PDB file of all heavy atoms in Angstrom:
ATOM      1  N   PHE A   1     -14.160   7.789  -7.479  1.00  0.00           N
ATOM      2  CA  PHE A   1     -14.219   8.288  -8.854  1.00  0.00           C
ATOM      3  C   PHE A   1     -13.675   9.699  -8.880  1.00  0.00           C
ATOM      4  O   PHE A   1     -14.142  10.553  -8.155  1.00  0.00           O
ATOM      5  CB  PHE A   1     -15.668   8.287  -9.353  1.00  0.00           C
ATOM      6  CG  PHE A   1     -15.775   8.617 -10.811  1.00  0.00           C
ATOM      7  CD1 PHE A   1     -15.692   7.620 -11.759  1.00  0.00           C
ATOM      8  CD2 PHE A   1     -15.939   9.926 -11.239  1.00  0.00           C
ATOM      9  CE1 PHE A   1     -15.786   7.918 -13.092  1.00  0.00           C
ATOM     10  CE2 PHE A   1     -16.036  10.228 -12.564  1.00  0.00           C
ATOM     11  CZ  PHE A   1     -15.965   9.212 -13.489  1.00  0.00           C
ATOM     12  N   LYS A   2     -12.693   9.921  -9.731  1.00  0.00           N
ATOM     13  CA  LYS A   2     -12.052  11.233  -9.800  1.00  0.00           C
ATOM     14  C   LYS A   2     -12.619  12.029 -10.955  1.00  0.00           C
ATOM     15  O   LYS A   2     -12.784  11.497 -12.051  1.00  0.00           O
ATOM     16  CB  LYS A   2     -10.550  11.056  -9.983  1.00  0.00           C
ATOM     17  CG  LYS A   2      -9.786  12.370 -10.036  1.00  0.00           C
ATOM     18  CD  LYS A   2      -8.310  12.125 -10.237  1.00  0.00           C
ATOM     19  CE  LYS A   2      -7.573  13.434 -10.326  1.00  0.00           C
ATOM     20  NZ  LYS A   2      -6.125  13.233 -10.554  1.00  0.00           N
ATOM     21  N   GLU A   3     -12.871  13.260 -10.724  1.00  0.00           N
ATOM     22  CA  GLU A   3     -13.390  14.135 -11.768  1.00  0.00           C
ATOM     23  C   GLU A   3     -12.302  14.427 -12.804  1.00  0.00           C
ATOM     24  O   GLU A   3     -11.135  14.549 -12.479  1.00  0.00           O
ATOM     25  CB  GLU A   3     -13.852  15.451 -11.128  1.00  0.00           C
ATOM     26  CG  GLU A   3     -14.449  16.422 -12.143  1.00  0.00           C
ATOM     27  CD  GLU A   3     -14.719  17.782 -11.538  1.00  0.00           C
ATOM     28  OE1 GLU A   3     -14.324  17.994 -10.389  1.00  0.00           O
ATOM     29  OE2 GLU A   3     -15.286  18.607 -12.236  1.00  0.00           O
ATOM     30  N   ASN A   4     -12.753  14.423 -14.041  1.00  0.00           N
ATOM     31  CA  ASN A   4     -11.867  14.712 -15.176  1.00  0.00           C
ATOM     32  C   ASN A   4     -10.791  13.634 -15.383  1.00  0.00           C
ATOM     33  O   ASN A   4      -9.749  13.888 -15.986  1.00  0.00           O
ATOM     34  CB  ASN A   4     -11.171  16.059 -15.025  1.00  0.00           C
ATOM     35  CG  ASN A   4     -12.156  17.215 -14.961  1.00  0.00           C
ATOM     36  OD1 ASN A   4     -13.249  17.139 -15.522  1.00  0.00           O
ATOM     37  ND2 ASN A   4     -11.757  18.272 -14.275  1.00  0.00           N
ATOM     38  N   CYS A   5     -11.020  12.434 -14.869  1.00  0.00           N
ATOM     39  CA  CYS A   5     -10.033  11.354 -15.047  1.00  0.00           C
ATOM     40  C   CYS A   5      -9.933  10.969 -16.519  1.00  0.00           C
ATOM     41  O   CYS A   5      -8.841  10.788 -17.037  1.00  0.00           O
ATOM     42  CB  CYS A   5     -10.436  10.148 -14.205  1.00  0.00           C
ATOM     43  SG  CYS A   5      -9.283   8.764 -14.346  1.00  0.00           S
ATOM     44  N   LEU A   6     -11.067  10.838 -17.190  1.00  0.00           N
ATOM     45  CA  LEU A   6     -11.054  10.463 -18.602  1.00  0.00           C
ATOM     46  C   LEU A   6     -10.442  11.570 -19.457  1.00  0.00           C
ATOM     47  O   LEU A   6      -9.760  11.310 -20.448  1.00  0.00           O
ATOM     48  CB  LEU A   6     -12.471  10.150 -19.074  1.00  0.00           C
ATOM     49  CG  LEU A   6     -13.135   8.929 -18.425  1.00  0.00           C
ATOM     50  CD1 LEU A   6     -14.556   8.779 -18.944  1.00  0.00           C
ATOM     51  CD2 LEU A   6     -12.332   7.679 -18.749  1.00  0.00           C
ATOM     52  N   GLU A   7     -10.690  12.814 -19.059  1.00  0.00           N
ATOM     53  CA  GLU A   7     -10.111  13.927 -19.814  1.00  0.00           C
ATOM     54  C   GLU A   7      -8.587  13.905 -19.736  1.00  0.00           C
ATOM     55  O   GLU A   7      -7.901  14.106 -20.734  1.00  0.00           O
ATOM     56  CB  GLU A   7     -10.637  15.252 -19.266  1.00  0.00           C
ATOM     57  CG  GLU A   7     -12.112  15.497 -19.565  1.00  0.00           C
ATOM     58  CD  GLU A   7     -12.553  16.860 -19.079  1.00  0.00           C
ATOM     59  OE1 GLU A   7     -11.703  17.575 -18.503  1.00  0.00           O
ATOM     60  OE2 GLU A   7     -13.726  17.214 -19.287  1.00  0.00           O
ATOM     61  N   GLU A   8      -8.070  13.627 -18.531  1.00  0.00           N
ATOM     62  CA  GLU A   8      -6.630  13.571 -18.384  1.00  0.00           C
ATOM     63  C   GLU A   8      -6.044  12.405 -19.170  1.00  0.00           C
ATOM     64  O   GLU A   8      -4.968  12.510 -19.774  1.00  0.00           O
ATOM     65  CB  GLU A   8      -6.257  13.446 -16.906  1.00  0.00           C
ATOM     66  CG  GLU A   8      -6.582  14.694 -16.110  1.00  0.00           C
ATOM     67  CD  GLU A   8      -6.117  14.567 -14.674  1.00  0.00           C
ATOM     68  OE1 GLU A   8      -5.524  13.515 -14.350  1.00  0.00           O
ATOM     69  OE2 GLU A   8      -6.333  15.500 -13.893  1.00  0.00           O
ATOM     70  N   LYS A   9      -6.744  11.278 -19.186  1.00  0.00           N
ATOM     71  CA  LYS A   9      -6.265  10.130 -19.956  1.00  0.00           C
ATOM     72  C   LYS A   9      -6.229  10.446 -21.446  1.00  0.00           C
ATOM     73  O   LYS A   9      -5.273  10.130 -22.144  1.00  0.00           O
ATOM     74  CB  LYS A   9      -7.151   8.910 -19.700  1.00  0.00           C
ATOM     75  CG  LYS A   9      -6.938   8.276 -18.347  1.00  0.00           C
ATOM     76  CD  LYS A   9      -7.791   7.023 -18.201  1.00  0.00           C
ATOM     77  CE  LYS A   9      -7.541   6.358 -16.859  1.00  0.00           C
ATOM     78  NZ  LYS A   9      -8.365   5.133 -16.696  1.00  0.00           N
ATOM     79  N   HIS A  10      -7.295  11.100 -21.920  1.00  0.00           N
ATOM     80  CA  HIS A  10      -7.322  11.490 -23.328  1.00  0.00           C
ATOM     81  C   HIS A  10      -6.224  12.497 -23.654  1.00  0.00           C
ATOM     82  O   HIS A  10      -5.593  12.435 -24.722  1.00  0.00           O
ATOM     83  CB  HIS A  10      -8.691  12.064 -23.689  1.00  0.00           C
ATOM     84  CG  HIS A  10      -9.783  11.038 -23.755  1.00  0.00           C
ATOM     85  ND1 HIS A  10      -9.670   9.882 -24.493  1.00  0.00           N
ATOM     86  CD2 HIS A  10     -11.012  11.004 -23.161  1.00  0.00           C
ATOM     87  CE1 HIS A  10     -10.773   9.165 -24.366  1.00  0.00           C
ATOM     88  NE2 HIS A  10     -11.605   9.812 -23.561  1.00  0.00           N
ATOM     89  N   ALA A  11      -5.995  13.432 -22.734  1.00  0.00           N
ATOM     90  CA  ALA A  11      -4.955  14.435 -22.966  1.00  0.00           C
ATOM     91  C   ALA A  11      -3.566  13.791 -23.006  1.00  0.00           C
ATOM     92  O   ALA A  11      -2.740  14.108 -23.871  1.00  0.00           O
ATOM     93  CB  ALA A  11      -5.005  15.510 -21.883  1.00  0.00           C
ATOM     94  N   LYS A  12      -3.335  12.843 -22.081  1.00  0.00           N
ATOM     95  CA  LYS A  12      -2.044  12.150 -22.081  1.00  0.00           C
ATOM     96  C   LYS A  12      -1.868  11.304 -23.337  1.00  0.00           C
ATOM     97  O   LYS A  12      -0.790  11.232 -23.908  1.00  0.00           O
ATOM     98  CB  LYS A  12      -1.918  11.286 -20.833  1.00  0.00           C
ATOM     99  CG  LYS A  12      -1.767  12.084 -19.550  1.00  0.00           C
ATOM    100  CD  LYS A  12      -1.622  11.169 -18.354  1.00  0.00           C
ATOM    101  CE  LYS A  12      -1.444  11.979 -17.065  1.00  0.00           C
ATOM    102  NZ  LYS A  12      -1.322  11.100 -15.883  1.00  0.00           N
ATOM    103  N   ALA A  13      -2.960  10.648 -23.743  1.00  0.00           N
ATOM    104  CA  ALA A  13      -2.886   9.839 -24.967  1.00  0.00           C
ATOM    105  C   ALA A  13      -2.609  10.715 -26.185  1.00  0.00           C
ATOM    106  O   ALA A  13      -1.829  10.344 -27.074  1.00  0.00           O
ATOM    107  CB  ALA A  13      -4.183   9.055 -25.149  1.00  0.00           C
ATOM    108  N   GLU A  14      -3.228  11.884 -26.232  1.00  0.00           N
ATOM    109  CA  GLU A  14      -2.991  12.800 -27.347  1.00  0.00           C
ATOM    110  C   GLU A  14      -1.554  13.321 -27.349  1.00  0.00           C
ATOM    111  O   GLU A  14      -0.900  13.416 -28.398  1.00  0.00           O
ATOM    112  CB  GLU A  14      -3.972  13.973 -27.262  1.00  0.00           C
ATOM    113  CG  GLU A  14      -3.881  14.955 -28.414  1.00  0.00           C
ATOM    114  CD  GLU A  14      -4.323  14.357 -29.733  1.00  0.00           C
ATOM    115  OE1 GLU A  14      -5.032  13.317 -29.718  1.00  0.00           O
ATOM    116  OE2 GLU A  14      -3.942  14.908 -30.778  1.00  0.00           O
ATOM    117  N   GLU A  15      -1.061  13.640 -26.156  1.00  0.00           N
ATOM    118  CA  GLU A  15       0.324  14.106 -26.050  1.00  0.00           C
ATOM    119  C   GLU A  15       1.302  13.010 -26.451  1.00  0.00           C
ATOM    120  O   GLU A  15       2.293  13.253 -27.148  1.00  0.00           O
ATOM    121  CB  GLU A  15       0.593  14.559 -24.616  1.00  0.00           C
ATOM    122  CG  GLU A  15       1.986  15.157 -24.430  1.00  0.00           C
ATOM    123  CD  GLU A  15       2.214  15.621 -22.998  1.00  0.00           C
ATOM    124  OE1 GLU A  15       1.282  15.488 -22.173  1.00  0.00           O
ATOM    125  OE2 GLU A  15       3.325  16.096 -22.722  1.00  0.00           O
ATOM    126  N   LEU A  16       1.004  11.769 -26.034  1.00  0.00           N
ATOM    127  CA  LEU A  16       1.866  10.639 -26.402  1.00  0.00           C
ATOM    128  C   LEU A  16       1.843  10.401 -27.914  1.00  0.00           C
ATOM    129  O   LEU A  16       2.878  10.103 -28.528  1.00  0.00           O
ATOM    130  CB  LEU A  16       1.402   9.381 -25.660  1.00  0.00           C
ATOM    131  CG  LEU A  16       2.224   8.108 -25.894  1.00  0.00           C
ATOM    132  CD1 LEU A  16       3.658   8.321 -25.422  1.00  0.00           C
ATOM    133  CD2 LEU A  16       1.598   6.927 -25.156  1.00  0.00           C
ATOM    134  N   ARG A  17       0.653  10.557 -28.505  1.00  0.00           N
ATOM    135  CA  ARG A  17       0.557  10.381 -29.955  1.00  0.00           C
ATOM    136  C   ARG A  17       1.376  11.446 -30.690  1.00  0.00           C
ATOM    137  O   ARG A  17       2.064  11.154 -31.674  1.00  0.00           O
ATOM    138  CB  ARG A  17      -0.901  10.451 -30.385  1.00  0.00           C
ATOM    139  CG  ARG A  17      -1.138  10.164 -31.873  1.00  0.00           C
ATOM    140  CD  ARG A  17      -2.573  10.410 -32.239  1.00  0.00           C
ATOM    141  NE  ARG A  17      -2.932  11.807 -32.070  1.00  0.00           N
ATOM    142  CZ  ARG A  17      -2.632  12.772 -32.937  1.00  0.00           C
ATOM    143  NH1 ARG A  17      -1.961  12.473 -34.050  1.00  0.00           N
ATOM    144  NH2 ARG A  17      -2.972  14.013 -32.722  1.00  0.00           N
ATOM    145  N   LYS A  18       1.327  12.689 -30.216  1.00  0.00           N
ATOM    146  CA  LYS A  18       2.102  13.758 -30.833  1.00  0.00           C
ATOM    147  C   LYS A  18       3.605  13.502 -30.720  1.00  0.00           C
ATOM    148  O   LYS A  18       4.374  13.724 -31.663  1.00  0.00           O
ATOM    149  CB  LYS A  18       1.751  15.103 -30.207  1.00  0.00           C
ATOM    150  CG  LYS A  18       0.342  15.583 -30.541  1.00  0.00           C
ATOM    151  CD  LYS A  18       0.077  16.931 -29.904  1.00  0.00           C
ATOM    152  CE  LYS A  18      -1.329  17.439 -30.259  1.00  0.00           C
ATOM    153  NZ  LYS A  18      -1.618  18.749 -29.628  1.00  0.00           N
ATOM    154  N   LEU A  19       4.023  13.011 -29.548  1.00  0.00           N
ATOM    155  CA  LEU A  19       5.439  12.703 -29.366  1.00  0.00           C
ATOM    156  C   LEU A  19       5.888  11.586 -30.298  1.00  0.00           C
ATOM    157  O   LEU A  19       6.985  11.629 -30.869  1.00  0.00           O
ATOM    158  CB  LEU A  19       5.706  12.307 -27.912  1.00  0.00           C
ATOM    159  CG  LEU A  19       5.610  13.439 -26.879  1.00  0.00           C
ATOM    160  CD1 LEU A  19       5.791  12.890 -25.466  1.00  0.00           C
ATOM    161  CD2 LEU A  19       6.661  14.504 -27.155  1.00  0.00           C
ATOM    162  N   ARG A  20       5.020  10.569 -30.447  1.00  0.00           N
ATOM    163  CA  ARG A  20       5.381   9.480 -31.357  1.00  0.00           C
ATOM    164  C   ARG A  20       5.468   9.970 -32.805  1.00  0.00           C
ATOM    165  O   ARG A  20       6.378   9.579 -33.548  1.00  0.00           O
ATOM    166  CB  ARG A  20       4.354   8.358 -31.244  1.00  0.00           C
ATOM    167  CG  ARG A  20       4.476   7.552 -29.946  1.00  0.00           C
ATOM    168  CD  ARG A  20       3.380   6.513 -29.852  1.00  0.00           C
ATOM    169  NE  ARG A  20       3.524   5.722 -28.632  1.00  0.00           N
ATOM    170  CZ  ARG A  20       2.633   4.819 -28.224  1.00  0.00           C
ATOM    171  NH1 ARG A  20       1.538   4.603 -28.956  1.00  0.00           N
ATOM    172  NH2 ARG A  20       2.839   4.133 -27.116  1.00  0.00           N
ATOM    173  N   ASP A  21       4.535  10.818 -33.191  1.00  0.00           N
ATOM    174  CA  ASP A  21       4.593  11.383 -34.547  1.00  0.00           C
ATOM    175  C   ASP A  21       5.852  12.211 -34.747  1.00  0.00           C
ATOM    176  O   ASP A  21       6.499  12.159 -35.819  1.00  0.00           O
ATOM    177  CB  ASP A  21       3.353  12.248 -34.821  1.00  0.00           C
ATOM    178  CG  ASP A  21       2.076  11.425 -34.846  1.00  0.00           C
ATOM    179  OD1 ASP A  21       2.175  10.191 -35.018  1.00  0.00           O
ATOM    180  OD2 ASP A  21       0.980  12.018 -34.697  1.00  0.00           O
ATOM    181  N   TYR A  22       6.211  12.974 -33.730  1.00  0.00           N
ATOM    182  CA  TYR A  22       7.419  13.783 -33.823  1.00  0.00           C
ATOM    183  C   TYR A  22       8.675  12.915 -33.923  1.00  0.00           C
ATOM    184  O   TYR A  22       9.594  13.200 -34.698  1.00  0.00           O
ATOM    185  CB  TYR A  22       7.516  14.699 -32.605  1.00  0.00           C
ATOM    186  CG  TYR A  22       8.693  15.641 -32.609  1.00  0.00           C
ATOM    187  CD1 TYR A  22       8.792  16.662 -33.557  1.00  0.00           C
ATOM    188  CD2 TYR A  22       9.715  15.506 -31.672  1.00  0.00           C
ATOM    189  CE1 TYR A  22       9.878  17.525 -33.567  1.00  0.00           C
ATOM    190  CE2 TYR A  22      10.800  16.368 -31.674  1.00  0.00           C
ATOM    191  CZ  TYR A  22      10.875  17.372 -32.626  1.00  0.00           C
ATOM    192  OH  TYR A  22      11.943  18.227 -32.639  1.00  0.00           O
ATOM    193  N   ILE A  23       8.686  11.819 -33.148  1.00  0.00           N
ATOM    194  CA  ILE A  23       9.828  10.892 -33.219  1.00  0.00           C
ATOM    195  C   ILE A  23       9.908  10.247 -34.597  1.00  0.00           C
ATOM    196  O   ILE A  23      10.992  10.105 -35.176  1.00  0.00           O
ATOM    197  CB  ILE A  23       9.713   9.834 -32.106  1.00  0.00           C
ATOM    198  CG1 ILE A  23       9.908  10.492 -30.729  1.00  0.00           C
ATOM    199  CG2 ILE A  23      10.721   8.708 -32.317  1.00  0.00           C
ATOM    200  CD1 ILE A  23       9.651   9.567 -29.568  1.00  0.00           C
ATOM    201  N   ASN A  24       8.762   9.838 -35.140  1.00  0.00           N
ATOM    202  CA  ASN A  24       8.758   9.245 -36.482  1.00  0.00           C
ATOM    203  C   ASN A  24       9.246  10.232 -37.538  1.00  0.00           C
ATOM    204  O   ASN A  24       9.982   9.865 -38.464  1.00  0.00           O
ATOM    205  CB  ASN A  24       7.352   8.752 -36.833  1.00  0.00           C
ATOM    206  CG  ASN A  24       6.914   7.589 -35.966  1.00  0.00           C
ATOM    207  OD1 ASN A  24       7.757   6.839 -35.460  1.00  0.00           O
ATOM    208  ND2 ASN A  24       5.615   7.426 -35.786  1.00  0.00           N
ATOM    209  N   GLU A  25       8.835  11.491 -37.380  1.00  0.00           N
ATOM    210  CA  GLU A  25       9.288  12.514 -38.330  1.00  0.00           C
ATOM    211  C   GLU A  25      10.799  12.721 -38.251  1.00  0.00           C
ATOM    212  O   GLU A  25      11.475  12.840 -39.273  1.00  0.00           O
ATOM    213  CB  GLU A  25       8.560  13.825 -38.035  1.00  0.00           C
ATOM    214  CG  GLU A  25       8.872  14.939 -39.017  1.00  0.00           C
ATOM    215  CD  GLU A  25       8.128  16.217 -38.688  1.00  0.00           C
ATOM    216  OE1 GLU A  25       7.308  16.202 -37.730  1.00  0.00           O
ATOM    217  OE2 GLU A  25       8.371  17.226 -39.362  1.00  0.00           O
ATOM    218  N   LEU A  26      11.328  12.736 -37.016  1.00  0.00           N
ATOM    219  CA  LEU A  26      12.777  12.882 -36.859  1.00  0.00           C
ATOM    220  C   LEU A  26      13.527  11.683 -37.411  1.00  0.00           C
ATOM    221  O   LEU A  26      14.601  11.830 -38.007  1.00  0.00           O
ATOM    222  CB  LEU A  26      13.121  13.066 -35.377  1.00  0.00           C
ATOM    223  CG  LEU A  26      12.662  14.377 -34.723  1.00  0.00           C
ATOM    224  CD1 LEU A  26      13.060  14.397 -33.258  1.00  0.00           C
ATOM    225  CD2 LEU A  26      13.262  15.582 -35.449  1.00  0.00           C
TER     226      LEU A  26
END
């Protein structure tokens, strides 16, 4: 079990969501 694994997953998911929103805006 790795510490902060869920935090990193949430951070990556949030970053991916922002990128998708930015692509949709473009």
